[in-house]
Amino acid sequence: MEAYPFRKYSTKVPADWVDFNGHMNTKYYGLVIYDAHIDFTEHLDLGERYRYANNCSKALVESHCIFERELCEHDEIEVISWLLSVDEKRLHTFHEIYCTNKGYRAAAGEHLDVHIDIETRRVSPFPNDVLQRLQSIEKEYAKFPRPDKIGSTIKIPVK
């Protein structure tokens, strides 16, 4: 049986990711989440093999990052990736960046991808067998408590 939630991406914050404020620069949070998203895409068998076998892929159409706590040089980070939902043409994923040496979630990224036909460059339905496989994975994730702040929006709090 697969291990859920998915954990593969881990690294230490290198010195060149740290800005003049002494913490990891915002752009590297995006890089970490993107790299973890690619790992997760491969794990879901929607990566390079899938693209060339089916002449289909997926494309990111919406992304949102939540910054909660800082990461500093040499901090150890791990990303936990979630498949939240899937329908005929879309995948909703969530990636949490944890600072493992200090024991907290530092950030999270939420993504919406669409399935595309490479030839037409248009959104297209997943093949039925792929959709069923992804729905099965979605059900495995549904057994766990959902991470905080899924679906959060940007707004100034009302006073």
N, C-alpha and C. Protein backbone atom coordinates (compact mmCIF):
# COMPACT_ATOMS: atom_id res chain seq x y z
N MET A 1 0.84 -1.20 0.00
CA MET A 1 0.00 0.00 0.00
C MET A 1 0.88 1.25 0.00
N GLU A 2 0.42 2.25 -0.71
CA GLU A 2 1.12 3.53 -0.77
C GLU A 2 1.12 4.21 0.59
N ALA A 3 2.11 5.04 0.81
CA ALA A 3 2.16 5.84 2.04
C ALA A 3 1.49 7.19 1.79
N TYR A 4 0.53 7.51 2.62
CA TYR A 4 -0.17 8.79 2.52
C TYR A 4 -0.08 9.49 3.85
N PRO A 5 -0.03 10.79 3.90
CA PRO A 5 0.24 11.69 2.80
C PRO A 5 1.65 11.47 2.22
N PHE A 6 1.87 12.01 1.04
CA PHE A 6 3.11 11.79 0.30
C PHE A 6 4.23 12.69 0.82
N ARG A 7 5.38 12.07 1.08
CA ARG A 7 6.58 12.80 1.52
C ARG A 7 7.76 12.33 0.69
N LYS A 8 8.35 13.23 -0.03
CA LYS A 8 9.58 12.91 -0.77
C LYS A 8 10.57 14.06 -0.68
N TYR A 9 10.08 15.28 -0.94
CA TYR A 9 10.98 16.43 -1.03
C TYR A 9 11.49 16.83 0.36
N SER A 10 12.80 16.88 0.49
CA SER A 10 13.41 17.41 1.71
C SER A 10 14.77 18.01 1.35
N THR A 11 15.16 19.01 2.12
CA THR A 11 16.44 19.67 1.89
C THR A 11 16.78 20.50 3.11
N LYS A 12 17.97 21.10 3.09
CA LYS A 12 18.36 22.09 4.09
C LYS A 12 18.44 23.44 3.39
N VAL A 13 18.06 24.48 4.09
CA VAL A 13 18.09 25.82 3.51
C VAL A 13 19.55 26.24 3.31
N PRO A 14 19.98 26.43 2.06
CA PRO A 14 21.36 26.85 1.81
C PRO A 14 21.53 28.35 2.03
N ALA A 15 22.75 28.76 2.24
CA ALA A 15 23.07 30.17 2.51
C ALA A 15 22.57 31.10 1.40
N ASP A 16 22.64 30.65 0.14
CA ASP A 16 22.24 31.55 -0.95
C ASP A 16 20.73 31.72 -1.08
N TRP A 17 19.94 31.02 -0.28
CA TRP A 17 18.50 31.24 -0.23
C TRP A 17 18.11 32.26 0.84
N VAL A 18 19.06 32.68 1.65
CA VAL A 18 18.79 33.58 2.77
C VAL A 18 19.00 35.02 2.32
N ASP A 19 18.03 35.89 2.65
CA ASP A 19 18.11 37.29 2.23
C ASP A 19 18.68 38.18 3.33
N PHE A 20 18.65 39.47 3.12
CA PHE A 20 19.23 40.43 4.06
C PHE A 20 18.49 40.49 5.39
N ASN A 21 17.31 39.89 5.48
CA ASN A 21 16.58 39.81 6.75
C ASN A 21 16.99 38.59 7.57
N GLY A 22 17.85 37.77 7.02
CA GLY A 22 18.35 36.61 7.74
C GLY A 22 17.44 35.39 7.69
N HIS A 23 16.48 35.40 6.74
CA HIS A 23 15.63 34.22 6.59
C HIS A 23 15.47 33.89 5.10
N MET A 24 14.89 32.71 4.84
CA MET A 24 14.74 32.27 3.46
C MET A 24 13.87 33.24 2.69
N ASN A 25 14.37 33.67 1.53
CA ASN A 25 13.66 34.61 0.68
C ASN A 25 12.39 33.96 0.13
N THR A 26 11.36 34.77 -0.01
CA THR A 26 10.05 34.31 -0.47
C THR A 26 10.13 33.49 -1.76
N LYS A 27 10.97 33.89 -2.70
CA LYS A 27 11.00 33.18 -3.98
C LYS A 27 11.40 31.72 -3.82
N TYR A 28 12.15 31.40 -2.77
CA TYR A 28 12.58 30.01 -2.59
C TYR A 28 11.48 29.14 -1.98
N TYR A 29 10.56 29.74 -1.25
CA TYR A 29 9.39 28.97 -0.80
C TYR A 29 8.65 28.46 -2.04
N GLY A 30 8.49 29.35 -3.02
CA GLY A 30 7.83 28.96 -4.26
C GLY A 30 8.58 27.86 -4.99
N LEU A 31 9.90 27.95 -5.00
CA LEU A 31 10.72 26.93 -5.63
C LEU A 31 10.56 25.58 -4.94
N VAL A 32 10.59 25.59 -3.61
CA VAL A 32 10.43 24.36 -2.84
C VAL A 32 9.06 23.74 -3.13
N ILE A 33 8.02 24.55 -3.11
CA ILE A 33 6.67 24.03 -3.37
C ILE A 33 6.57 23.52 -4.80
N TYR A 34 7.14 24.24 -5.75
CA TYR A 34 7.10 23.80 -7.15
C TYR A 34 7.83 22.46 -7.31
N ASP A 35 9.02 22.35 -6.73
CA ASP A 35 9.77 21.09 -6.85
C ASP A 35 9.01 19.93 -6.20
N ALA A 36 8.39 20.19 -5.06
CA ALA A 36 7.59 19.16 -4.40
C ALA A 36 6.38 18.80 -5.26
N HIS A 37 5.80 19.80 -5.93
CA HIS A 37 4.65 19.57 -6.81
C HIS A 37 5.05 18.66 -7.98
N ILE A 38 6.25 18.85 -8.50
CA ILE A 38 6.75 17.99 -9.58
C ILE A 38 6.94 16.56 -9.06
N ASP A 39 7.54 16.41 -7.88
CA ASP A 39 7.69 15.08 -7.28
C ASP A 39 6.33 14.40 -7.11
N PHE A 40 5.35 15.16 -6.64
CA PHE A 40 4.02 14.62 -6.41
C PHE A 40 3.35 14.25 -7.74
N THR A 41 3.56 15.07 -8.76
CA THR A 41 3.03 14.77 -10.09
C THR A 41 3.58 13.44 -10.59
N GLU A 42 4.86 13.22 -10.40
CA GLU A 42 5.47 11.94 -10.79
C GLU A 42 4.87 10.80 -9.96
N HIS A 43 4.71 11.02 -8.67
CA HIS A 43 4.13 10.01 -7.78
C HIS A 43 2.72 9.62 -8.24
N LEU A 44 1.96 10.59 -8.71
CA LEU A 44 0.60 10.34 -9.19
C LEU A 44 0.60 9.75 -10.60
N ASP A 45 1.77 9.52 -11.16
CA ASP A 45 1.96 9.01 -12.52
C ASP A 45 1.31 9.92 -13.56
N LEU A 46 1.50 11.23 -13.35
CA LEU A 46 1.03 12.22 -14.31
C LEU A 46 2.19 13.05 -14.86
N GLY A 47 3.39 12.57 -14.67
CA GLY A 47 4.58 13.31 -15.06
C GLY A 47 5.03 12.99 -16.48
N GLU A 48 6.34 12.93 -16.64
CA GLU A 48 6.93 12.79 -17.97
C GLU A 48 6.51 11.49 -18.67
N ARG A 49 6.49 10.38 -17.98
CA ARG A 49 6.08 9.11 -18.58
C ARG A 49 4.66 9.22 -19.13
N TYR A 50 3.78 9.77 -18.30
CA TYR A 50 2.38 9.93 -18.68
C TYR A 50 2.24 10.84 -19.91
N ARG A 51 2.99 11.92 -19.91
CA ARG A 51 2.91 12.88 -21.02
C ARG A 51 3.24 12.21 -22.34
N TYR A 52 4.33 11.44 -22.38
CA TYR A 52 4.74 10.83 -23.64
C TYR A 52 3.92 9.59 -23.99
N ALA A 53 3.39 8.90 -23.03
CA ALA A 53 2.56 7.72 -23.30
C ALA A 53 1.16 8.10 -23.77
N ASN A 54 0.66 9.26 -23.33
CA ASN A 54 -0.73 9.64 -23.59
C ASN A 54 -0.91 10.92 -24.40
N ASN A 55 0.19 11.61 -24.69
CA ASN A 55 0.14 12.91 -25.35
C ASN A 55 -0.77 13.88 -24.60
N CYS A 56 -0.76 13.72 -23.27
CA CYS A 56 -1.52 14.58 -22.36
C CYS A 56 -0.62 14.96 -21.20
N SER A 57 -0.99 16.01 -20.53
CA SER A 57 -0.23 16.45 -19.36
C SER A 57 -1.19 17.21 -18.46
N LYS A 58 -0.61 17.98 -17.55
CA LYS A 58 -1.43 18.86 -16.74
C LYS A 58 -0.74 20.21 -16.68
N ALA A 59 -1.52 21.22 -16.41
CA ALA A 59 -0.99 22.58 -16.36
C ALA A 59 -1.54 23.27 -15.12
N LEU A 60 -0.69 23.98 -14.45
CA LEU A 60 -1.09 24.74 -13.28
C LEU A 60 -1.85 25.99 -13.72
N VAL A 61 -3.05 26.18 -13.16
CA VAL A 61 -3.85 27.36 -13.53
C VAL A 61 -4.08 28.30 -12.36
N GLU A 62 -3.84 27.81 -11.14
CA GLU A 62 -3.99 28.69 -9.97
C GLU A 62 -3.07 28.19 -8.87
N SER A 63 -2.46 29.14 -8.18
CA SER A 63 -1.53 28.81 -7.10
C SER A 63 -1.63 29.87 -6.01
N HIS A 64 -1.50 29.42 -4.77
CA HIS A 64 -1.60 30.33 -3.63
C HIS A 64 -0.62 29.85 -2.58
N CYS A 65 0.19 30.74 -2.04
CA CYS A 65 1.16 30.38 -1.01
C CYS A 65 0.83 31.12 0.28
N ILE A 66 0.93 30.40 1.37
CA ILE A 66 0.68 30.94 2.70
C ILE A 66 2.01 30.87 3.47
N PHE A 67 2.47 31.99 3.96
CA PHE A 67 3.71 32.04 4.73
C PHE A 67 3.35 32.16 6.21
N GLU A 68 3.79 31.20 7.02
CA GLU A 68 3.41 31.18 8.42
C GLU A 68 4.57 31.47 9.37
N ARG A 69 5.71 30.89 9.11
CA ARG A 69 6.87 31.09 9.98
C ARG A 69 8.12 31.10 9.12
N GLU A 70 9.15 31.74 9.63
CA GLU A 70 10.36 31.85 8.82
C GLU A 70 11.19 30.58 8.84
N LEU A 71 11.99 30.45 7.80
CA LEU A 71 13.00 29.41 7.70
C LEU A 71 14.34 30.11 7.59
N CYS A 72 15.34 29.57 8.25
CA CYS A 72 16.66 30.18 8.28
C CYS A 72 17.71 29.22 7.71
N GLU A 73 18.89 29.75 7.47
CA GLU A 73 19.98 28.94 6.94
C GLU A 73 20.17 27.68 7.77
N HIS A 74 20.34 26.58 7.07
CA HIS A 74 20.56 25.24 7.65
C HIS A 74 19.30 24.60 8.22
N ASP A 75 18.17 25.30 8.23
CA ASP A 75 16.94 24.63 8.67
C ASP A 75 16.66 23.45 7.74
N GLU A 76 16.17 22.38 8.35
CA GLU A 76 15.82 21.18 7.59
C GLU A 76 14.35 21.26 7.25
N ILE A 77 14.04 21.09 5.97
CA ILE A 77 12.66 21.19 5.55
C ILE A 77 12.21 19.92 4.83
N GLU A 78 10.92 19.65 4.99
CA GLU A 78 10.28 18.52 4.34
C GLU A 78 8.92 19.01 3.85
N VAL A 79 8.51 18.52 2.70
CA VAL A 79 7.20 18.90 2.16
C VAL A 79 6.28 17.68 2.19
N ILE A 80 5.08 17.90 2.70
CA ILE A 80 4.03 16.89 2.71
C ILE A 80 3.01 17.32 1.66
N SER A 81 2.71 16.42 0.74
CA SER A 81 1.82 16.74 -0.38
C SER A 81 0.52 15.96 -0.27
N TRP A 82 -0.57 16.65 -0.60
CA TRP A 82 -1.93 16.12 -0.49
C TRP A 82 -2.66 16.22 -1.81
N LEU A 83 -3.39 15.16 -2.17
CA LEU A 83 -4.37 15.23 -3.24
C LEU A 83 -5.71 15.47 -2.57
N LEU A 84 -6.23 16.68 -2.69
CA LEU A 84 -7.46 17.05 -2.00
C LEU A 84 -8.70 16.64 -2.77
N SER A 85 -8.68 16.88 -4.08
CA SER A 85 -9.84 16.50 -4.88
C SER A 85 -9.45 16.39 -6.35
N VAL A 86 -10.27 15.65 -7.06
CA VAL A 86 -10.07 15.46 -8.49
C VAL A 86 -11.45 15.36 -9.13
N ASP A 87 -11.58 15.93 -10.32
CA ASP A 87 -12.79 15.70 -11.12
C ASP A 87 -12.34 15.34 -12.53
N GLU A 88 -13.23 15.39 -13.48
CA GLU A 88 -12.94 14.92 -14.82
C GLU A 88 -11.76 15.63 -15.49
N LYS A 89 -11.51 16.88 -15.09
CA LYS A 89 -10.47 17.67 -15.76
C LYS A 89 -9.50 18.38 -14.82
N ARG A 90 -9.71 18.27 -13.50
CA ARG A 90 -8.91 19.09 -12.58
C ARG A 90 -8.37 18.29 -11.40
N LEU A 91 -7.25 18.79 -10.87
CA LEU A 91 -6.64 18.27 -9.64
C LEU A 91 -6.44 19.42 -8.67
N HIS A 92 -6.80 19.21 -7.42
CA HIS A 92 -6.59 20.20 -6.36
C HIS A 92 -5.59 19.61 -5.38
N THR A 93 -4.43 20.24 -5.27
CA THR A 93 -3.37 19.73 -4.40
C THR A 93 -2.95 20.77 -3.37
N PHE A 94 -2.28 20.30 -2.32
CA PHE A 94 -1.84 21.15 -1.22
C PHE A 94 -0.49 20.62 -0.77
N HIS A 95 0.46 21.53 -0.55
CA HIS A 95 1.82 21.16 -0.16
C HIS A 95 2.21 21.95 1.08
N GLU A 96 2.58 21.23 2.13
CA GLU A 96 2.97 21.87 3.39
C GLU A 96 4.48 21.78 3.57
N ILE A 97 5.11 22.92 3.82
CA ILE A 97 6.55 22.96 4.11
C ILE A 97 6.73 22.94 5.62
N TYR A 98 7.38 21.89 6.11
CA TYR A 98 7.67 21.77 7.54
C TYR A 98 9.14 22.01 7.81
N CYS A 99 9.40 22.72 8.88
CA CYS A 99 10.76 22.88 9.41
C CYS A 99 10.93 21.74 10.41
N THR A 100 11.60 20.69 9.99
CA THR A 100 11.65 19.48 10.81
C THR A 100 12.58 19.62 12.02
N ASN A 101 13.61 20.43 11.91
CA ASN A 101 14.52 20.57 13.06
C ASN A 101 13.95 21.48 14.15
N LYS A 102 12.94 22.29 13.82
CA LYS A 102 12.32 23.17 14.82
C LYS A 102 10.87 22.78 15.11
N GLY A 103 10.31 21.87 14.32
CA GLY A 103 9.00 21.30 14.62
C GLY A 103 7.79 22.16 14.31
N TYR A 104 7.79 22.86 13.18
CA TYR A 104 6.61 23.65 12.83
C TYR A 104 6.39 23.68 11.32
N ARG A 105 5.13 23.99 10.95
CA ARG A 105 4.83 24.22 9.55
C ARG A 105 5.21 25.66 9.25
N ALA A 106 6.01 25.85 8.22
CA ALA A 106 6.49 27.18 7.87
C ALA A 106 5.65 27.82 6.77
N ALA A 107 5.10 27.01 5.88
CA ALA A 107 4.35 27.55 4.76
C ALA A 107 3.52 26.44 4.12
N ALA A 108 2.64 26.86 3.25
CA ALA A 108 1.84 25.89 2.49
C ALA A 108 1.51 26.50 1.13
N GLY A 109 1.37 25.64 0.15
CA GLY A 109 0.99 26.06 -1.19
C GLY A 109 -0.16 25.23 -1.70
N GLU A 110 -1.11 25.90 -2.31
CA GLU A 110 -2.30 25.25 -2.83
C GLU A 110 -2.32 25.43 -4.35
N HIS A 111 -2.63 24.36 -5.07
CA HIS A 111 -2.60 24.40 -6.53
C HIS A 111 -3.85 23.81 -7.15
N LEU A 112 -4.22 24.37 -8.27
CA LEU A 112 -5.25 23.79 -9.12
C LEU A 112 -4.61 23.56 -10.49
N ASP A 113 -4.62 22.30 -10.91
CA ASP A 113 -4.09 21.92 -12.22
C ASP A 113 -5.24 21.45 -13.10
N VAL A 114 -5.10 21.64 -14.39
CA VAL A 114 -6.05 21.09 -15.35
C VAL A 114 -5.34 20.07 -16.23
N HIS A 115 -6.09 19.08 -16.67
CA HIS A 115 -5.58 18.06 -17.58
C HIS A 115 -5.67 18.63 -18.99
N ILE A 116 -4.60 18.49 -19.76
CA ILE A 116 -4.58 19.06 -21.10
C ILE A 116 -4.17 18.02 -22.15
N ASP A 117 -4.72 18.20 -23.33
CA ASP A 117 -4.33 17.44 -24.52
C ASP A 117 -3.19 18.23 -25.15
N ILE A 118 -2.03 17.63 -25.25
CA ILE A 118 -0.85 18.33 -25.78
C ILE A 118 -1.05 18.75 -27.23
N GLU A 119 -1.71 17.92 -28.03
CA GLU A 119 -1.89 18.23 -29.45
C GLU A 119 -2.78 19.46 -29.65
N THR A 120 -3.90 19.51 -28.94
CA THR A 120 -4.83 20.64 -29.11
C THR A 120 -4.50 21.82 -28.21
N ARG A 121 -3.66 21.56 -27.18
CA ARG A 121 -3.31 22.58 -26.18
C ARG A 121 -4.56 23.10 -25.46
N ARG A 122 -5.51 22.20 -25.25
CA ARG A 122 -6.77 22.53 -24.60
C ARG A 122 -7.01 21.60 -23.42
N VAL A 123 -7.82 22.08 -22.50
CA VAL A 123 -8.24 21.27 -21.36
C VAL A 123 -9.03 20.08 -21.90
N SER A 124 -8.75 18.91 -21.35
CA SER A 124 -9.45 17.70 -21.78
C SER A 124 -9.67 16.78 -20.58
N PRO A 125 -10.67 15.89 -20.69
CA PRO A 125 -10.92 14.97 -19.57
C PRO A 125 -9.79 13.96 -19.39
N PHE A 126 -9.60 13.54 -18.15
CA PHE A 126 -8.71 12.43 -17.88
C PHE A 126 -9.28 11.17 -18.54
N PRO A 127 -8.45 10.27 -19.01
CA PRO A 127 -8.97 8.96 -19.41
C PRO A 127 -9.66 8.32 -18.20
N ASN A 128 -10.69 7.52 -18.45
CA ASN A 128 -11.48 6.93 -17.36
C ASN A 128 -10.63 6.16 -16.36
N ASP A 129 -9.68 5.35 -16.83
CA ASP A 129 -8.86 4.56 -15.91
C ASP A 129 -7.98 5.47 -15.03
N VAL A 130 -7.49 6.56 -15.60
CA VAL A 130 -6.67 7.50 -14.83
C VAL A 130 -7.54 8.21 -13.79
N LEU A 131 -8.72 8.65 -14.20
CA LEU A 131 -9.64 9.31 -13.27
C LEU A 131 -10.00 8.37 -12.12
N GLN A 132 -10.30 7.14 -12.41
CA GLN A 132 -10.64 6.17 -11.36
C GLN A 132 -9.47 5.96 -10.41
N ARG A 133 -8.26 5.87 -10.95
CA ARG A 133 -7.07 5.69 -10.11
C ARG A 133 -6.86 6.90 -9.20
N LEU A 134 -7.02 8.11 -9.76
CA LEU A 134 -6.86 9.33 -8.97
C LEU A 134 -7.96 9.45 -7.91
N GLN A 135 -9.17 9.07 -8.25
CA GLN A 135 -10.26 9.10 -7.27
C GLN A 135 -10.00 8.11 -6.13
N SER A 136 -9.38 7.01 -6.44
CA SER A 136 -9.01 6.04 -5.41
C SER A 136 -7.96 6.64 -4.46
N ILE A 137 -7.00 7.34 -5.02
CA ILE A 137 -5.99 8.01 -4.21
C ILE A 137 -6.64 9.11 -3.37
N GLU A 138 -7.54 9.86 -3.98
CA GLU A 138 -8.27 10.91 -3.26
C GLU A 138 -8.98 10.33 -2.03
N LYS A 139 -9.57 9.17 -2.17
CA LYS A 139 -10.26 8.51 -1.05
C LYS A 139 -9.30 8.15 0.07
N GLU A 140 -8.08 7.76 -0.27
CA GLU A 140 -7.07 7.47 0.76
C GLU A 140 -6.73 8.73 1.55
N TYR A 141 -6.59 9.84 0.86
CA TYR A 141 -6.29 11.11 1.53
C TYR A 141 -7.46 11.58 2.40
N ALA A 142 -8.67 11.25 2.00
CA ALA A 142 -9.85 11.67 2.75
C ALA A 142 -9.92 11.02 4.13
N LYS A 143 -9.13 9.99 4.36
CA LYS A 143 -9.10 9.31 5.66
C LYS A 143 -8.36 10.12 6.72
N PHE A 144 -7.61 11.12 6.29
CA PHE A 144 -6.79 11.93 7.20
C PHE A 144 -7.46 13.27 7.47
N PRO A 145 -7.20 13.87 8.64
CA PRO A 145 -7.68 15.24 8.87
C PRO A 145 -7.03 16.17 7.84
N ARG A 146 -7.83 17.07 7.29
CA ARG A 146 -7.31 17.99 6.29
C ARG A 146 -6.41 19.05 6.93
N PRO A 147 -5.38 19.45 6.22
CA PRO A 147 -4.50 20.49 6.74
C PRO A 147 -5.24 21.82 6.92
N ASP A 148 -4.72 22.65 7.80
CA ASP A 148 -5.29 23.98 8.03
C ASP A 148 -5.07 24.88 6.82
N LYS A 149 -5.98 25.81 6.65
CA LYS A 149 -5.91 26.92 5.70
C LYS A 149 -6.08 26.53 4.24
N ILE A 150 -6.67 25.37 3.98
CA ILE A 150 -7.02 25.04 2.60
C ILE A 150 -8.13 26.01 2.17
N GLY A 151 -7.96 26.55 0.96
CA GLY A 151 -8.97 27.47 0.44
C GLY A 151 -8.92 28.85 1.03
N SER A 152 -7.83 29.19 1.70
CA SER A 152 -7.75 30.53 2.28
C SER A 152 -7.69 31.58 1.17
N THR A 153 -8.15 32.76 1.50
CA THR A 153 -8.14 33.86 0.53
C THR A 153 -7.38 35.04 1.13
N ILE A 154 -6.96 35.92 0.28
CA ILE A 154 -6.27 37.11 0.74
C ILE A 154 -7.29 38.19 1.04
N LYS A 155 -7.25 38.69 2.27
CA LYS A 155 -8.14 39.79 2.64
C LYS A 155 -7.62 40.42 3.94
N ILE A 156 -7.89 41.68 4.08
CA ILE A 156 -7.56 42.37 5.32
C ILE A 156 -8.68 42.05 6.31
N PRO A 157 -8.33 41.58 7.51
CA PRO A 157 -9.40 41.24 8.49
C PRO A 157 -10.29 42.43 8.79
N VAL A 158 -11.57 42.15 8.94
CA VAL A 158 -12.55 43.18 9.28
C VAL A 158 -12.41 43.50 10.76
N LYS A 159 -12.40 44.80 11.10
CA LYS A 159 -12.25 45.21 12.49
C LYS A 159 -13.59 45.43 13.13
